[in-house]
Amino acid sequence: EQKISKPNINLHWRFYYDPPEFQTVITGDNKIQFHVGYFRESPDEPPVYVGTDGAKKNCIIDQNGDNVFAAVKFVLMKNLNENCTEAARALGYSLEQRIMKMKHRDKKVKTKTFHDAGLVVPVDENDAEYGELPETDANFKGICKTVFEAQSDERLKAFALIQR
C-alpha cells in the first residue's frame, strides 16, 4: 500500500527559486515574475520582514519594511519616481526643487507673509516701495477671515483694513 504524504504547506505560494522562508502574498508584473512576500526565519515565527523579488530579473529578495503596507508603498513610490523622472527628462523639465530663477526671486522679496511665499512688488512711478505688513500674522489672518465672511457692502470696509 502506497502512503500519501501531506503537502508541505511551507513550500506553497513560492516562486521556483524562492527559499522556503519566503511566502508570496502579492504578485505583480508577470514578465519579471515580480512578487511581494513575507520572509520568516522559521514557519512558527512572525515574519522578519516583507520583501520583493523579480524572479526572472535577478532572483534577489529586497527588504522593504516589516509589513505589507510599507512594502507596497516603497514599490509604488519607486515606480512613481522612475516614471516621473523619465517623463520629465523626455519633456525637458528640471526636477530640482529650487531652480536659479526661484533663488533670484527670493532676493527680490520685499516682505514675508504668513504663508512664507513672500511678495515681490515693483517700485511704482513715485519710487514708492512695498514695505513690511503693519500687522502680525495672527491679525492679518483675522482680517482675511473678515473679508472672506463679509457680505458685499461690508467686504469693502473689511478690505480697507488691508489697504492702509
N, C-alpha and C. Protein backbone atom coordinates (compact mmCIF):
# COMPACT_ATOMS: atom_id res chain seq x y z
N GLU A 1 0.84 -1.17 0.00
CA GLU A 1 0.00 0.00 0.00
C GLU A 1 0.89 1.24 0.00
N GLN A 2 0.52 2.19 -0.87
CA GLN A 2 1.32 3.40 -1.02
C GLN A 2 0.80 4.45 -0.04
N LYS A 3 1.74 5.06 0.67
CA LYS A 3 1.38 6.07 1.66
C LYS A 3 1.41 7.45 0.99
N ILE A 4 0.32 8.20 1.15
CA ILE A 4 0.25 9.54 0.57
C ILE A 4 0.66 10.54 1.65
N SER A 5 1.68 11.30 1.33
CA SER A 5 2.15 12.28 2.31
C SER A 5 1.37 13.59 2.18
N LYS A 6 1.26 14.26 3.29
CA LYS A 6 0.59 15.56 3.28
C LYS A 6 1.51 16.57 2.61
N PRO A 7 0.94 17.53 1.90
CA PRO A 7 1.79 18.54 1.26
C PRO A 7 2.44 19.43 2.33
N ASN A 8 3.64 19.86 2.05
CA ASN A 8 4.34 20.75 2.96
C ASN A 8 3.84 22.17 2.71
N ILE A 9 3.03 22.66 3.62
CA ILE A 9 2.40 23.97 3.46
C ILE A 9 3.44 25.08 3.39
N ASN A 10 4.60 24.86 3.98
CA ASN A 10 5.66 25.87 3.95
C ASN A 10 6.26 26.06 2.56
N LEU A 11 6.01 25.15 1.66
CA LEU A 11 6.54 25.27 0.32
C LEU A 11 5.52 25.83 -0.67
N HIS A 12 4.32 26.14 -0.19
CA HIS A 12 3.29 26.70 -1.06
C HIS A 12 3.49 28.21 -1.19
N TRP A 13 2.94 28.76 -2.24
CA TRP A 13 3.00 30.19 -2.50
C TRP A 13 4.43 30.68 -2.63
N ARG A 14 5.19 29.92 -3.38
CA ARG A 14 6.59 30.28 -3.63
C ARG A 14 6.83 30.29 -5.13
N PHE A 15 7.75 31.13 -5.56
CA PHE A 15 8.22 31.06 -6.93
C PHE A 15 9.37 30.06 -6.96
N TYR A 16 9.72 29.60 -8.12
CA TYR A 16 10.65 28.48 -8.28
C TYR A 16 11.95 28.65 -7.48
N TYR A 17 12.57 29.81 -7.56
CA TYR A 17 13.86 29.99 -6.88
C TYR A 17 13.75 30.57 -5.47
N ASP A 18 12.54 30.82 -5.01
CA ASP A 18 12.38 31.36 -3.66
C ASP A 18 12.75 30.32 -2.61
N PRO A 19 13.41 30.78 -1.55
CA PRO A 19 13.69 29.84 -0.46
C PRO A 19 12.40 29.54 0.30
N PRO A 20 12.37 28.46 1.05
CA PRO A 20 11.16 28.12 1.81
C PRO A 20 10.75 29.20 2.80
N GLU A 21 11.69 30.05 3.21
CA GLU A 21 11.39 31.10 4.18
C GLU A 21 10.55 32.24 3.58
N PHE A 22 10.47 32.30 2.26
CA PHE A 22 9.79 33.42 1.59
C PHE A 22 8.44 32.98 1.05
N GLN A 23 7.36 33.55 1.61
CA GLN A 23 6.00 33.20 1.22
C GLN A 23 5.35 34.37 0.48
N THR A 24 4.99 34.15 -0.78
CA THR A 24 4.40 35.20 -1.61
C THR A 24 2.99 35.55 -1.14
N VAL A 25 2.72 36.87 -1.06
CA VAL A 25 1.39 37.33 -0.69
C VAL A 25 0.78 38.23 -1.77
N ILE A 26 1.62 38.81 -2.64
CA ILE A 26 1.14 39.66 -3.73
C ILE A 26 1.99 39.37 -4.96
N THR A 27 1.35 39.22 -6.10
CA THR A 27 2.10 39.08 -7.35
C THR A 27 1.85 40.31 -8.21
N GLY A 28 2.83 40.60 -9.07
CA GLY A 28 2.72 41.79 -9.91
C GLY A 28 3.05 41.49 -11.35
N ASP A 29 4.01 42.19 -11.88
CA ASP A 29 4.41 42.08 -13.28
C ASP A 29 4.85 40.66 -13.62
N ASN A 30 4.06 39.98 -14.44
CA ASN A 30 4.37 38.59 -14.79
C ASN A 30 5.60 38.44 -15.66
N LYS A 31 5.95 39.50 -16.42
CA LYS A 31 7.13 39.41 -17.29
C LYS A 31 8.40 39.15 -16.49
N ILE A 32 8.49 39.79 -15.33
CA ILE A 32 9.68 39.57 -14.49
C ILE A 32 9.35 38.74 -13.25
N GLN A 33 8.14 38.24 -13.18
CA GLN A 33 7.65 37.47 -12.03
C GLN A 33 7.85 38.25 -10.72
N PHE A 34 7.42 39.52 -10.74
CA PHE A 34 7.54 40.35 -9.55
C PHE A 34 6.56 39.86 -8.50
N HIS A 35 7.03 39.77 -7.26
CA HIS A 35 6.15 39.35 -6.17
C HIS A 35 6.64 39.91 -4.84
N VAL A 36 5.70 40.03 -3.92
CA VAL A 36 5.94 40.54 -2.57
C VAL A 36 5.64 39.40 -1.62
N GLY A 37 6.48 39.26 -0.60
CA GLY A 37 6.24 38.16 0.33
C GLY A 37 6.80 38.38 1.71
N TYR A 38 6.32 37.57 2.62
CA TYR A 38 6.84 37.55 3.99
C TYR A 38 8.08 36.68 4.03
N PHE A 39 9.09 37.15 4.74
CA PHE A 39 10.28 36.34 4.95
C PHE A 39 10.31 35.95 6.42
N ARG A 40 10.27 34.65 6.67
CA ARG A 40 10.25 34.12 8.04
C ARG A 40 11.49 33.26 8.26
N GLU A 41 12.14 33.44 9.38
CA GLU A 41 13.28 32.59 9.73
C GLU A 41 12.81 31.17 10.03
N SER A 42 11.61 31.11 10.62
CA SER A 42 11.03 29.81 10.96
C SER A 42 9.53 29.89 10.67
N PRO A 43 8.92 28.81 10.19
CA PRO A 43 7.49 28.84 9.88
C PRO A 43 6.62 29.15 11.09
N ASP A 44 7.13 28.90 12.29
CA ASP A 44 6.36 29.12 13.51
C ASP A 44 6.47 30.54 14.04
N GLU A 45 7.30 31.37 13.42
CA GLU A 45 7.55 32.73 13.92
C GLU A 45 6.92 33.76 12.98
N PRO A 46 6.66 34.94 13.52
CA PRO A 46 6.16 36.01 12.64
C PRO A 46 7.23 36.39 11.61
N PRO A 47 6.82 37.03 10.53
CA PRO A 47 7.80 37.42 9.51
C PRO A 47 8.84 38.39 10.07
N VAL A 48 10.07 38.25 9.58
CA VAL A 48 11.15 39.15 9.97
C VAL A 48 11.03 40.44 9.16
N TYR A 49 10.65 40.30 7.89
CA TYR A 49 10.43 41.46 7.03
C TYR A 49 9.56 41.05 5.85
N VAL A 50 9.15 42.07 5.09
CA VAL A 50 8.44 41.84 3.84
C VAL A 50 9.41 42.20 2.73
N GLY A 51 9.53 41.29 1.78
CA GLY A 51 10.48 41.51 0.69
C GLY A 51 9.81 41.52 -0.66
N THR A 52 10.57 41.98 -1.65
CA THR A 52 10.11 41.96 -3.04
C THR A 52 11.16 41.27 -3.88
N ASP A 53 10.70 40.64 -4.95
CA ASP A 53 11.61 39.91 -5.83
C ASP A 53 11.06 39.93 -7.25
N GLY A 54 11.96 40.04 -8.19
CA GLY A 54 11.62 39.86 -9.61
C GLY A 54 12.35 38.61 -10.05
N ALA A 55 11.69 37.46 -9.95
CA ALA A 55 12.34 36.17 -10.14
C ALA A 55 13.04 36.04 -11.49
N LYS A 56 12.45 36.59 -12.55
CA LYS A 56 13.09 36.49 -13.87
C LYS A 56 14.12 37.59 -14.09
N LYS A 57 14.13 38.55 -13.20
CA LYS A 57 15.06 39.68 -13.35
C LYS A 57 16.40 39.36 -12.71
N ASN A 58 16.39 39.05 -11.41
CA ASN A 58 17.66 38.80 -10.73
C ASN A 58 17.57 37.85 -9.54
N CYS A 59 16.40 37.42 -9.17
CA CYS A 59 16.20 36.50 -8.04
C CYS A 59 16.75 37.03 -6.72
N ILE A 60 16.78 38.33 -6.57
CA ILE A 60 17.26 38.93 -5.33
C ILE A 60 16.06 39.42 -4.53
N ILE A 61 15.97 39.01 -3.29
CA ILE A 61 14.88 39.44 -2.42
C ILE A 61 15.33 40.71 -1.71
N ASP A 62 14.65 41.82 -2.01
CA ASP A 62 14.96 43.10 -1.37
C ASP A 62 14.07 43.29 -0.15
N GLN A 63 14.65 43.74 0.95
CA GLN A 63 13.88 44.03 2.16
C GLN A 63 13.15 45.35 1.97
N ASN A 64 11.84 45.34 2.20
CA ASN A 64 11.02 46.54 2.01
C ASN A 64 10.09 46.79 3.19
N GLY A 65 10.61 46.74 4.39
CA GLY A 65 9.81 47.05 5.56
C GLY A 65 9.39 45.81 6.32
N ASP A 66 8.66 46.05 7.40
CA ASP A 66 8.24 44.92 8.23
C ASP A 66 6.76 44.59 8.08
N ASN A 67 6.10 45.25 7.10
CA ASN A 67 4.69 44.94 6.86
C ASN A 67 4.37 45.17 5.38
N VAL A 68 3.25 44.64 4.95
CA VAL A 68 2.86 44.72 3.53
C VAL A 68 2.65 46.17 3.10
N PHE A 69 2.09 47.00 3.97
CA PHE A 69 1.84 48.39 3.61
C PHE A 69 3.15 49.12 3.29
N ALA A 70 4.17 48.90 4.11
CA ALA A 70 5.47 49.54 3.86
C ALA A 70 6.05 49.07 2.53
N ALA A 71 5.95 47.78 2.25
CA ALA A 71 6.50 47.24 1.01
C ALA A 71 5.75 47.78 -0.21
N VAL A 72 4.43 47.80 -0.14
CA VAL A 72 3.64 48.31 -1.27
C VAL A 72 3.93 49.79 -1.48
N LYS A 73 4.00 50.56 -0.39
CA LYS A 73 4.31 51.98 -0.51
C LYS A 73 5.68 52.16 -1.16
N PHE A 74 6.66 51.41 -0.73
CA PHE A 74 8.00 51.51 -1.29
C PHE A 74 7.98 51.23 -2.79
N VAL A 75 7.32 50.17 -3.20
CA VAL A 75 7.26 49.79 -4.62
C VAL A 75 6.55 50.87 -5.43
N LEU A 76 5.41 51.36 -4.92
CA LEU A 76 4.67 52.39 -5.64
C LEU A 76 5.47 53.68 -5.77
N MET A 77 6.12 54.09 -4.68
CA MET A 77 6.91 55.32 -4.72
C MET A 77 8.10 55.18 -5.66
N LYS A 78 8.72 54.02 -5.66
CA LYS A 78 9.86 53.78 -6.55
C LYS A 78 9.41 53.86 -8.01
N ASN A 79 8.30 53.21 -8.33
CA ASN A 79 7.77 53.24 -9.70
C ASN A 79 7.34 54.64 -10.10
N LEU A 80 6.67 55.35 -9.20
CA LEU A 80 6.24 56.71 -9.48
C LEU A 80 7.45 57.60 -9.73
N ASN A 81 8.47 57.48 -8.89
CA ASN A 81 9.68 58.28 -9.04
C ASN A 81 10.35 58.00 -10.38
N GLU A 82 10.48 56.72 -10.73
CA GLU A 82 11.12 56.36 -12.01
C GLU A 82 10.32 56.89 -13.19
N ASN A 83 9.00 56.72 -13.16
CA ASN A 83 8.15 57.18 -14.27
C ASN A 83 8.15 58.70 -14.39
N CYS A 84 8.09 59.38 -13.26
CA CYS A 84 8.09 60.85 -13.26
C CYS A 84 9.43 61.38 -13.78
N THR A 85 10.52 60.80 -13.32
CA THR A 85 11.85 61.22 -13.76
C THR A 85 12.02 61.00 -15.25
N GLU A 86 11.60 59.86 -15.73
CA GLU A 86 11.71 59.54 -17.16
C GLU A 86 10.88 60.52 -18.00
N ALA A 87 9.66 60.80 -17.58
CA ALA A 87 8.79 61.72 -18.33
C ALA A 87 9.34 63.14 -18.31
N ALA A 88 9.82 63.60 -17.15
CA ALA A 88 10.37 64.95 -17.04
C ALA A 88 11.59 65.11 -17.94
N ARG A 89 12.47 64.14 -17.93
CA ARG A 89 13.66 64.21 -18.79
C ARG A 89 13.28 64.22 -20.26
N ALA A 90 12.32 63.37 -20.63
CA ALA A 90 11.89 63.31 -22.03
C ALA A 90 11.28 64.64 -22.49
N LEU A 91 10.61 65.34 -21.57
CA LEU A 91 9.97 66.62 -21.90
C LEU A 91 10.86 67.82 -21.62
N GLY A 92 12.05 67.58 -21.07
CA GLY A 92 12.99 68.66 -20.82
C GLY A 92 12.71 69.48 -19.57
N TYR A 93 12.05 68.90 -18.58
CA TYR A 93 11.76 69.61 -17.34
C TYR A 93 12.80 69.30 -16.28
N SER A 94 13.10 70.30 -15.47
CA SER A 94 14.01 70.13 -14.34
C SER A 94 13.26 69.45 -13.20
N LEU A 95 13.97 68.67 -12.44
CA LEU A 95 13.38 68.06 -11.25
C LEU A 95 13.98 68.62 -9.97
N GLU A 96 14.70 69.73 -10.10
CA GLU A 96 15.27 70.39 -8.92
C GLU A 96 14.15 71.06 -8.14
N GLN A 97 14.27 71.06 -6.84
CA GLN A 97 13.24 71.68 -6.01
C GLN A 97 13.33 73.21 -6.09
N ARG A 98 14.55 73.73 -6.12
CA ARG A 98 14.74 75.18 -6.19
C ARG A 98 15.68 75.51 -7.34
N ILE A 99 15.11 76.05 -8.42
CA ILE A 99 15.93 76.40 -9.57
C ILE A 99 16.44 77.83 -9.41
N MET A 100 17.36 78.24 -10.28
CA MET A 100 18.01 79.54 -10.15
C MET A 100 17.02 80.71 -10.14
N LYS A 101 15.99 80.67 -11.00
CA LYS A 101 15.07 81.82 -11.02
C LYS A 101 14.28 81.94 -9.72
N MET A 102 14.09 80.85 -9.01
CA MET A 102 13.43 80.92 -7.70
C MET A 102 14.36 81.58 -6.68
N LYS A 103 15.63 81.26 -6.77
CA LYS A 103 16.61 81.86 -5.85
C LYS A 103 16.72 83.36 -6.11
N HIS A 104 16.68 83.77 -7.40
CA HIS A 104 16.71 85.20 -7.74
C HIS A 104 15.47 85.90 -7.20
N ARG A 105 14.31 85.25 -7.29
CA ARG A 105 13.08 85.83 -6.78
C ARG A 105 13.18 86.06 -5.28
N ASP A 106 13.74 85.09 -4.57
CA ASP A 106 13.86 85.21 -3.12
C ASP A 106 14.63 86.48 -2.73
N LYS A 107 15.60 86.87 -3.54
CA LYS A 107 16.39 88.08 -3.25
C LYS A 107 15.56 89.34 -3.45
N LYS A 108 14.50 89.27 -4.26
CA LYS A 108 13.66 90.43 -4.56
C LYS A 108 12.45 90.56 -3.63
N VAL A 109 12.22 89.58 -2.78
CA VAL A 109 11.06 89.60 -1.89
C VAL A 109 11.15 90.81 -0.96
N LYS A 110 10.08 91.61 -0.94
CA LYS A 110 10.04 92.81 -0.10
C LYS A 110 9.52 92.53 1.30
N THR A 111 8.61 91.58 1.40
CA THR A 111 8.05 91.25 2.71
C THR A 111 7.58 89.80 2.72
N LYS A 112 7.67 89.19 3.86
CA LYS A 112 7.14 87.83 4.04
C LYS A 112 5.73 87.96 4.60
N THR A 113 4.90 87.03 4.22
CA THR A 113 3.55 86.98 4.78
C THR A 113 3.41 85.67 5.52
N PHE A 114 2.26 85.45 6.14
CA PHE A 114 2.12 84.25 6.98
C PHE A 114 2.26 82.95 6.20
N HIS A 115 2.11 83.00 4.89
CA HIS A 115 2.29 81.78 4.09
C HIS A 115 3.74 81.57 3.69
N ASP A 116 4.62 82.52 4.00
CA ASP A 116 6.07 82.46 3.75
C ASP A 116 6.47 82.48 2.28
N ALA A 117 5.54 82.71 1.36
CA ALA A 117 5.93 82.81 -0.06
C ALA A 117 6.59 84.15 -0.34
N GLY A 118 6.23 85.16 0.42
CA GLY A 118 6.80 86.48 0.21
C GLY A 118 6.16 87.19 -0.96
N LEU A 119 6.29 88.51 -0.97
CA LEU A 119 5.72 89.32 -2.04
C LEU A 119 6.82 90.10 -2.74
N VAL A 120 6.80 90.06 -4.06
CA VAL A 120 7.71 90.86 -4.88
C VAL A 120 6.84 91.89 -5.58
N VAL A 121 7.04 93.16 -5.23
CA VAL A 121 6.25 94.24 -5.80
C VAL A 121 7.22 95.26 -6.38
N PRO A 122 7.07 95.60 -7.67
CA PRO A 122 7.98 96.57 -8.26
C PRO A 122 7.77 97.97 -7.69
N VAL A 123 8.80 98.80 -7.80
CA VAL A 123 8.71 100.19 -7.36
C VAL A 123 7.76 100.90 -8.32
N ASP A 124 6.86 101.73 -7.77
CA ASP A 124 5.91 102.43 -8.64
C ASP A 124 6.52 103.71 -9.22
N GLU A 125 5.72 104.48 -9.98
CA GLU A 125 6.24 105.68 -10.65
C GLU A 125 6.70 106.76 -9.67
N ASN A 126 6.29 106.69 -8.43
CA ASN A 126 6.71 107.65 -7.40
C ASN A 126 7.89 107.14 -6.59
N ASP A 127 8.52 106.08 -7.06
CA ASP A 127 9.63 105.42 -6.35
C ASP A 127 9.21 104.91 -4.98
N ALA A 128 7.93 104.61 -4.82
CA ALA A 128 7.45 104.06 -3.56
C ALA A 128 7.61 102.54 -3.61
N GLU A 129 8.22 102.02 -2.56
CA GLU A 129 8.41 100.57 -2.48
C GLU A 129 7.41 99.97 -1.52
N TYR A 130 7.28 98.68 -1.61
CA TYR A 130 6.40 97.94 -0.74
C TYR A 130 7.14 97.72 0.58
N GLY A 131 6.50 98.01 1.68
CA GLY A 131 7.14 97.82 2.97
C GLY A 131 6.61 96.60 3.70
N GLU A 132 7.08 96.43 4.89
CA GLU A 132 6.60 95.32 5.72
C GLU A 132 5.11 95.51 6.01
N LEU A 133 4.41 94.41 6.16
CA LEU A 133 3.00 94.48 6.54
C LEU A 133 2.89 95.02 7.96
N PRO A 134 1.97 95.98 8.19
CA PRO A 134 1.87 96.58 9.52
C PRO A 134 1.10 95.72 10.52
N GLU A 135 0.80 94.50 10.17
CA GLU A 135 0.02 93.62 11.03
C GLU A 135 0.81 92.37 11.38
N THR A 136 0.51 91.80 12.51
CA THR A 136 1.10 90.49 12.84
C THR A 136 0.41 89.44 11.98
N ASP A 137 1.03 88.27 11.89
CA ASP A 137 0.41 87.19 11.11
C ASP A 137 -0.98 86.86 11.63
N ALA A 138 -1.14 86.81 12.94
CA ALA A 138 -2.44 86.47 13.53
C ALA A 138 -3.49 87.52 13.17
N ASN A 139 -3.13 88.81 13.27
CA ASN A 139 -4.08 89.87 12.91
C ASN A 139 -4.42 89.81 11.42
N PHE A 140 -3.41 89.57 10.59
CA PHE A 140 -3.64 89.52 9.14
C PHE A 140 -4.57 88.36 8.78
N LYS A 141 -4.38 87.22 9.43
CA LYS A 141 -5.28 86.09 9.19
C LYS A 141 -6.71 86.45 9.59
N GLY A 142 -6.85 87.18 10.69
CA GLY A 142 -8.18 87.61 11.14
C GLY A 142 -8.82 88.56 10.13
N ILE A 143 -8.03 89.48 9.57
CA ILE A 143 -8.54 90.41 8.56
C ILE A 143 -9.00 89.63 7.33
N CYS A 144 -8.19 88.66 6.90
CA CYS A 144 -8.55 87.84 5.73
C CYS A 144 -9.86 87.09 5.98
N LYS A 145 -10.02 86.59 7.19
CA LYS A 145 -11.25 85.87 7.53
C LYS A 145 -12.45 86.82 7.49
N THR A 146 -12.26 88.03 8.01
CA THR A 146 -13.34 89.03 8.00
C THR A 146 -13.75 89.36 6.56
N VAL A 147 -12.75 89.55 5.68
CA VAL A 147 -13.04 89.85 4.27
C VAL A 147 -13.79 88.69 3.64
N PHE A 148 -13.33 87.49 3.89
CA PHE A 148 -13.94 86.30 3.29
C PHE A 148 -15.39 86.13 3.73
N GLU A 149 -15.67 86.38 5.00
CA GLU A 149 -17.01 86.13 5.53
C GLU A 149 -17.97 87.31 5.34
N ALA A 150 -17.44 88.48 4.93
CA ALA A 150 -18.28 89.68 4.81
C ALA A 150 -19.20 89.61 3.60
N GLN A 151 -20.35 90.26 3.72
CA GLN A 151 -21.26 90.41 2.59
C GLN A 151 -20.73 91.56 1.73
N SER A 152 -21.33 91.81 0.58
CA SER A 152 -20.78 92.74 -0.42
C SER A 152 -20.42 94.12 0.14
N ASP A 153 -21.33 94.81 0.81
CA ASP A 153 -21.03 96.15 1.32
C ASP A 153 -20.01 96.11 2.45
N GLU A 154 -20.14 95.14 3.31
CA GLU A 154 -19.22 95.01 4.44
C GLU A 154 -17.82 94.63 3.97
N ARG A 155 -17.76 93.95 2.84
CA ARG A 155 -16.47 93.48 2.32
C ARG A 155 -15.56 94.67 1.98
N LEU A 156 -16.11 95.74 1.41
CA LEU A 156 -15.30 96.92 1.08
C LEU A 156 -14.70 97.52 2.34
N LYS A 157 -15.48 97.58 3.40
CA LYS A 157 -14.97 98.10 4.67
C LYS A 157 -13.87 97.19 5.22
N ALA A 158 -14.07 95.89 5.09
CA ALA A 158 -13.07 94.94 5.59
C ALA A 158 -11.77 95.05 4.79
N PHE A 159 -11.88 95.27 3.48
CA PHE A 159 -10.67 95.44 2.65
C PHE A 159 -9.89 96.68 3.06
N ALA A 160 -10.57 97.69 3.57
CA ALA A 160 -9.90 98.92 3.97
C ALA A 160 -8.83 98.65 5.03
N LEU A 161 -9.04 97.64 5.84
CA LEU A 161 -8.04 97.29 6.86
C LEU A 161 -6.73 96.83 6.24
N ILE A 162 -6.81 96.23 5.07
CA ILE A 162 -5.60 95.74 4.39
C ILE A 162 -4.94 96.85 3.59
N GLN A 163 -5.73 97.75 3.02
CA GLN A 163 -5.21 98.75 2.09
C GLN A 163 -4.88 100.07 2.77
N ARG A 164 -4.29 100.02 3.93
CA ARG A 164 -3.90 101.26 4.62
C ARG A 164 -2.63 101.79 4.03
